[in-house]
PDB file of N, CA and C in Angstrom:
ATOM      1  N   MET A   1       0.861  -1.021   0.010  1.00  0.00           N
ATOM      2  CA  MET A   1       0.343  -0.026   0.169  1.00  0.00           C
ATOM      3  C   MET A   1       0.620   1.377  -0.348  1.00  0.00           C
ATOM      4  N   ARG A   2       0.851   1.923  -0.622  1.00  0.00           N
ATOM      5  CA  ARG A   2       1.422   4.004  -1.011  1.00  0.00           C
ATOM      6  C   ARG A   2       1.830   3.925  -0.127  1.00  0.00           C
ATOM      7  N   VAL A   3       0.387   3.828   1.215  1.00  0.00           N
ATOM      8  CA  VAL A   3       0.218   5.139   1.882  1.00  0.00           C
ATOM      9  C   VAL A   3       1.427   4.228   2.981  1.00  0.00           C
ATOM     10  N   ARG A   4       1.385   3.234   3.427  1.00  0.00           N
ATOM     11  CA  ARG A   4       2.060   2.342   4.789  1.00  0.00           C
ATOM     12  C   ARG A   4       3.384   2.899   4.080  1.00  0.00           C
ATOM     13  N   ARG A   5       4.209   2.712   2.977  1.00  0.00           N
ATOM     14  CA  ARG A   5       5.278   2.900   2.652  1.00  0.00           C
ATOM     15  C   ARG A   5       5.777   4.052   2.833  1.00  0.00           C
ATOM     16  N   ARG A   6       4.673   4.960   2.081  1.00  0.00           N
ATOM     17  CA  ARG A   6       5.256   7.080   2.528  1.00  0.00           C
ATOM     18  C   ARG A   6       5.447   6.950   3.797  1.00  0.00           C
ATOM     19  N   VAL A   7       4.422   6.597   4.866  1.00  0.00           N
ATOM     20  CA  VAL A   7       4.537   6.819   6.110  1.00  0.00           C
ATOM     21  C   VAL A   7       5.779   6.255   6.676  1.00  0.00           C
ATOM     22  N   ARG A   8       6.136   5.130   5.987  1.00  0.00           N
ATOM     23  CA  ARG A   8       7.876   4.375   7.077  1.00  0.00           C
ATOM     24  C   ARG A   8       8.508   5.702   6.187  1.00  0.00           C
ATOM     25  N   ARG A   9       8.534   6.333   5.466  1.00  0.00           N
ATOM     26  CA  ARG A   9       9.827   6.967   5.018  1.00  0.00           C
ATOM     27  C   ARG A   9       9.543   8.234   5.813  1.00  0.00           C
ATOM     28  N   LEU A  10       8.474   8.805   6.014  1.00  0.00           N
ATOM     29  CA  LEU A  10       8.440   9.647   6.359  1.00  0.00           C
ATOM     30  C   LEU A  10       8.656   9.278   8.101  1.00  0.00           C
ATOM     31  N   GLU A  11       8.286   8.430   8.790  1.00  0.00           N
ATOM     32  CA  GLU A  11       9.434   7.587   9.762  1.00  0.00           C
ATOM     33  C   GLU A  11      10.249   7.873  10.321  1.00  0.00           C
ATOM     34  N   ALA A  12      11.456   7.409   9.365  1.00  0.00           N
ATOM     35  CA  ALA A  12      12.447   7.402   8.867  1.00  0.00           C
ATOM     36  C   ALA A  12      13.376   8.752   8.723  1.00  0.00           C
ATOM     37  N   LYS A  13      13.009   9.730   7.924  1.00  0.00           N
ATOM     38  CA  LYS A  13      13.079  11.235   8.187  1.00  0.00           C
ATOM     39  C   LYS A  13      13.372  11.581   9.692  1.00  0.00           C
ATOM     40  N   TYR A  14      11.571  11.177  10.196  1.00  0.00           N
ATOM     41  CA  TYR A  14      11.481  12.220  11.632  1.00  0.00           C
ATOM     42  C   TYR A  14      13.069  11.458  11.772  1.00  0.00           C
ATOM     43  N   ARG A  15      13.278   9.746  12.445  1.00  0.00           N
ATOM     44  CA  ARG A  15      13.996   9.569  13.641  1.00  0.00           C
ATOM     45  C   ARG A  15      15.574  10.064  13.395  1.00  0.00           C
ATOM     46  N   GLN A  16      15.566   9.902  11.701  1.00  0.00           N
ATOM     47  CA  GLN A  16      17.184  10.597  11.051  1.00  0.00           C
ATOM     48  C   GLN A  16      17.229  12.262  11.706  1.00  0.00           C
ATOM     49  N   GLY A  17      16.259  13.209  11.429  1.00  0.00           N
ATOM     50  CA  GLY A  17      15.907  14.657  11.751  1.00  0.00           C
ATOM     51  C   GLY A  17      16.007  15.198  11.105  1.00  0.00           C
ATOM     52  N   ARG A  18      15.584  14.643   9.607  1.00  0.00           N
ATOM     53  CA  ARG A  18      15.664  14.846   8.880  1.00  0.00           C
ATOM     54  C   ARG A  18      14.511  15.944   8.052  1.00  0.00           C
ATOM     55  N   ILE A  19      13.553  15.800   8.690  1.00  0.00           N
ATOM     56  CA  ILE A  19      11.859  16.479   9.436  1.00  0.00           C
ATOM     57  C   ILE A  19      11.733  16.624  10.777  1.00  0.00           C
ATOM     58  N   ASP A  20      10.347  17.449  10.830  1.00  0.00           N
ATOM     59  CA  ASP A  20      10.429  18.233  12.747  1.00  0.00           C
ATOM     60  C   ASP A  20       9.135  17.269  12.864  1.00  0.00           C
ATOM     61  N   ASP A  21       8.617  17.104  13.966  1.00  0.00           N
ATOM     62  CA  ASP A  21       7.159  16.805  14.091  1.00  0.00           C
ATOM     63  C   ASP A  21       5.816  17.349  14.151  1.00  0.00           C
ATOM     64  N   VAL A  22       6.111  18.854  13.828  1.00  0.00           N
ATOM     65  CA  VAL A  22       5.234  19.590  13.105  1.00  0.00           C
ATOM     66  C   VAL A  22       5.081  19.050  11.347  1.00  0.00           C
ATOM     67  N   GLN A  23       6.534  18.767  10.759  1.00  0.00           N
ATOM     68  CA  GLN A  23       6.031  18.139   8.891  1.00  0.00           C
ATOM     69  C   GLN A  23       5.560  17.011   9.495  1.00  0.00           C
ATOM     70  N   LEU A  24       6.208  15.981   9.972  1.00  0.00           N
ATOM     71  CA  LEU A  24       5.239  14.776  10.261  1.00  0.00           C
ATOM     72  C   LEU A  24       3.861  14.835  10.445  1.00  0.00           C
ATOM     73  N   VAL A  25       3.388  15.821  11.450  1.00  0.00           N
ATOM     74  CA  VAL A  25       2.442  15.766  11.908  1.00  0.00           C
ATOM     75  C   VAL A  25       1.892  16.410   9.949  1.00  0.00           C
ATOM     76  N   GLN A  26       2.143  17.272  10.269  1.00  0.00           N
ATOM     77  CA  GLN A  26       1.394  18.521   8.361  1.00  0.00           C
ATOM     78  C   GLN A  26       0.901  16.863   7.359  1.00  0.00           C
ATOM     79  N   SER A  27       2.321  16.155   7.595  1.00  0.00           N
ATOM     80  CA  SER A  27       1.784  15.204   6.314  1.00  0.00           C
ATOM     81  C   SER A  27       1.345  14.083   6.706  1.00  0.00           C
ATOM     82  N   VAL A  28       1.096  13.555   7.292  1.00  0.00           N
ATOM     83  CA  VAL A  28       0.008  12.436   8.224  1.00  0.00           C
ATOM     84  C   VAL A  28      -1.305  13.351   7.823  1.00  0.00           C
ATOM     85  N   SER A  29      -1.736  14.276   8.553  1.00  0.00           N
ATOM     86  CA  SER A  29      -3.102  15.153   8.545  1.00  0.00           C
ATOM     87  C   SER A  29      -3.395  14.586   6.744  1.00  0.00           C
ATOM     88  N   SER A  30      -2.178  15.401   6.078  1.00  0.00           N
ATOM     89  CA  SER A  30      -2.593  15.462   4.534  1.00  0.00           C
ATOM     90  C   SER A  30      -3.599  14.312   3.905  1.00  0.00           C
ATOM     91  N   MET A  31      -2.235  13.092   4.393  1.00  0.00           N
ATOM     92  CA  MET A  31      -2.627  12.067   3.855  1.00  0.00           C
ATOM     93  C   MET A  31      -3.567  11.108   4.393  1.00  0.00           C
ATOM     94  N   LEU A  32      -4.651  11.595   5.728  1.00  0.00           N
ATOM     95  CA  LEU A  32      -5.686  10.821   6.196  1.00  0.00           C
ATOM     96  C   LEU A  32      -6.627  11.324   5.694  1.00  0.00           C
ATOM     97  N   GLY A  33      -6.629  13.455   5.025  1.00  0.00           N
ATOM     98  CA  GLY A  33      -7.568  13.821   4.493  1.00  0.00           C
ATOM     99  C   GLY A  33      -8.134  13.468   3.234  1.00  0.00           C
ATOM    100  N   HIS A  34      -6.347  12.982   2.503  1.00  0.00           N
ATOM    101  CA  HIS A  34      -7.118  12.609   1.061  1.00  0.00           C
ATOM    102  C   HIS A  34      -7.509  11.246   1.477  1.00  0.00           C
ATOM    103  N   MET A  35      -7.509  10.026   2.325  1.00  0.00           N
ATOM    104  CA  MET A  35      -8.383   9.008   2.353  1.00  0.00           C
ATOM    105  C   MET A  35      -9.508   9.301   2.726  1.00  0.00           C
ATOM    106  N   SER A  36      -9.418  10.229   3.626  1.00  0.00           N
ATOM    107  CA  SER A  36     -11.205  10.359   4.063  1.00  0.00           C
ATOM    108  C   SER A  36     -12.098  11.005   2.613  1.00  0.00           C
ATOM    109  N   HIS A  37     -11.673  11.103   1.683  1.00  0.00           N
ATOM    110  CA  HIS A  37     -12.794  11.056   0.565  1.00  0.00           C
ATOM    111  C   HIS A  37     -13.445   9.844  -0.419  1.00  0.00           C
ATOM    112  N   ALA A  38     -13.018   8.716  -0.087  1.00  0.00           N
ATOM    113  CA  ALA A  38     -12.593   7.218  -0.261  1.00  0.00           C
ATOM    114  C   ALA A  38     -13.915   6.084   1.193  1.00  0.00           C
ATOM    115  N   ASN A  39     -14.155   5.826   0.680  1.00  0.00           N
ATOM    116  CA  ASN A  39     -14.738   4.912   1.463  1.00  0.00           C
ATOM    117  C   ASN A  39     -13.530   3.654   1.878  1.00  0.00           C
ATOM    118  N   THR A  40     -12.799   4.512   3.048  1.00  0.00           N
ATOM    119  CA  THR A  40     -11.672   3.948   3.565  1.00  0.00           C
ATOM    120  C   THR A  40     -11.278   3.295   4.883  1.00  0.00           C
ATOM    121  N   PHE A  41     -12.572   3.843   5.448  1.00  0.00           N
ATOM    122  CA  PHE A  41     -12.310   3.502   6.594  1.00  0.00           C
ATOM    123  C   PHE A  41     -11.717   2.067   7.743  1.00  0.00           C
ATOM    124  N   ALA A  42     -11.630   1.146   6.919  1.00  0.00           N
ATOM    125  CA  ALA A  42     -10.526  -0.109   7.157  1.00  0.00           C
ATOM    126  C   ALA A  42      -9.415   0.458   7.017  1.00  0.00           C
ATOM    127  N   ALA A  43      -9.094   0.766   6.137  1.00  0.00           N
ATOM    128  CA  ALA A  43      -7.573   1.372   5.726  1.00  0.00           C
ATOM    129  C   ALA A  43      -7.029   2.418   6.715  1.00  0.00           C
ATOM    130  N   ARG A  44      -8.172   2.962   6.848  1.00  0.00           N
ATOM    131  CA  ARG A  44      -7.395   4.282   7.965  1.00  0.00           C
ATOM    132  C   ARG A  44      -7.098   3.277   9.283  1.00  0.00           C
ATOM    133  N   ARG A  45      -8.368   2.840   9.835  1.00  0.00           N
ATOM    134  CA  ARG A  45      -7.881   2.305  11.096  1.00  0.00           C
ATOM    135  C   ARG A  45      -6.605   0.782  11.077  1.00  0.00           C
ATOM    136  N   GLN A  46      -6.694   0.524   9.848  1.00  0.00           N
ATOM    137  CA  GLN A  46      -5.153  -0.257  10.039  1.00  0.00           C
ATOM    138  C   GLN A  46      -3.532   0.396   9.583  1.00  0.00           C
ATOM    139  N   PHE A  47      -3.898   1.412   9.413  1.00  0.00           N
ATOM    140  CA  PHE A  47      -3.453   2.510   9.434  1.00  0.00           C
ATOM    141  C   PHE A  47      -2.515   2.843  10.242  1.00  0.00           C
ATOM    142  N   PHE A  48      -3.502   3.182  11.601  1.00  0.00           N
ATOM    143  CA  PHE A  48      -3.170   3.936  12.462  1.00  0.00           C
ATOM    144  C   PHE A  48      -2.223   2.076  13.726  1.00  0.00           C
ATOM    145  N   ALA A  49      -2.684   1.258  13.280  1.00  0.00           N
ATOM    146  CA  ALA A  49      -3.176  -0.310  13.522  1.00  0.00           C
ATOM    147  C   ALA A  49      -1.239  -0.597  13.318  1.00  0.00           C
ATOM    148  N   ASP A  50      -0.804  -0.133  12.218  1.00  0.00           N
ATOM    149  CA  ASP A  50       0.248  -0.612  11.842  1.00  0.00           C
ATOM    150  C   ASP A  50       1.635   0.130  11.787  1.00  0.00           C
ATOM    151  N   SER A  51       1.132   1.761  11.554  1.00  0.00           N
ATOM    152  CA  SER A  51       2.089   2.667  11.363  1.00  0.00           C
ATOM    153  C   SER A  51       2.028   3.209  12.733  1.00  0.00           C
ATOM    154  N   LEU A  52       2.974   4.549  12.740  1.00  0.00           N
ATOM    155  CA  LEU A  52       3.593   5.329  14.219  1.00  0.00           C
ATOM    156  C   LEU A  52       3.931   5.031  14.998  1.00  0.00           C
ATOM    157  N   ARG A  53       4.718   3.403  14.660  1.00  0.00           N
ATOM    158  CA  ARG A  53       5.442   3.337  15.880  1.00  0.00           C
ATOM    159  C   ARG A  53       6.576   3.772  15.943  1.00  0.00           C
ATOM    160  N   MET A  54       7.263   5.236  16.998  1.00  0.00           N
ATOM    161  CA  MET A  54       8.170   5.602  16.973  1.00  0.00           C
ATOM    162  C   MET A  54       8.699   5.595  18.337  1.00  0.00           C
ATOM    163  N   GLY A  55       7.902   4.743  19.301  1.00  0.00           N
ATOM    164  CA  GLY A  55       8.026   4.933  20.226  1.00  0.00           C
ATOM    165  C   GLY A  55       9.409   4.428  20.983  1.00  0.00           C
TER     166      GLY A  55
END
């Protein structure tokens, strides 16, 4: 899934210090906004279950 691949790249950039937390949140919000225009409830739920594990 393209979104998952893009989020992984964003997470890597964040960990490397190439983007800050504001840029990360803006990018993720943009992707979720784009996804909300389609019937993607299950995809968005899976997105949060699989991604954003930066702990």
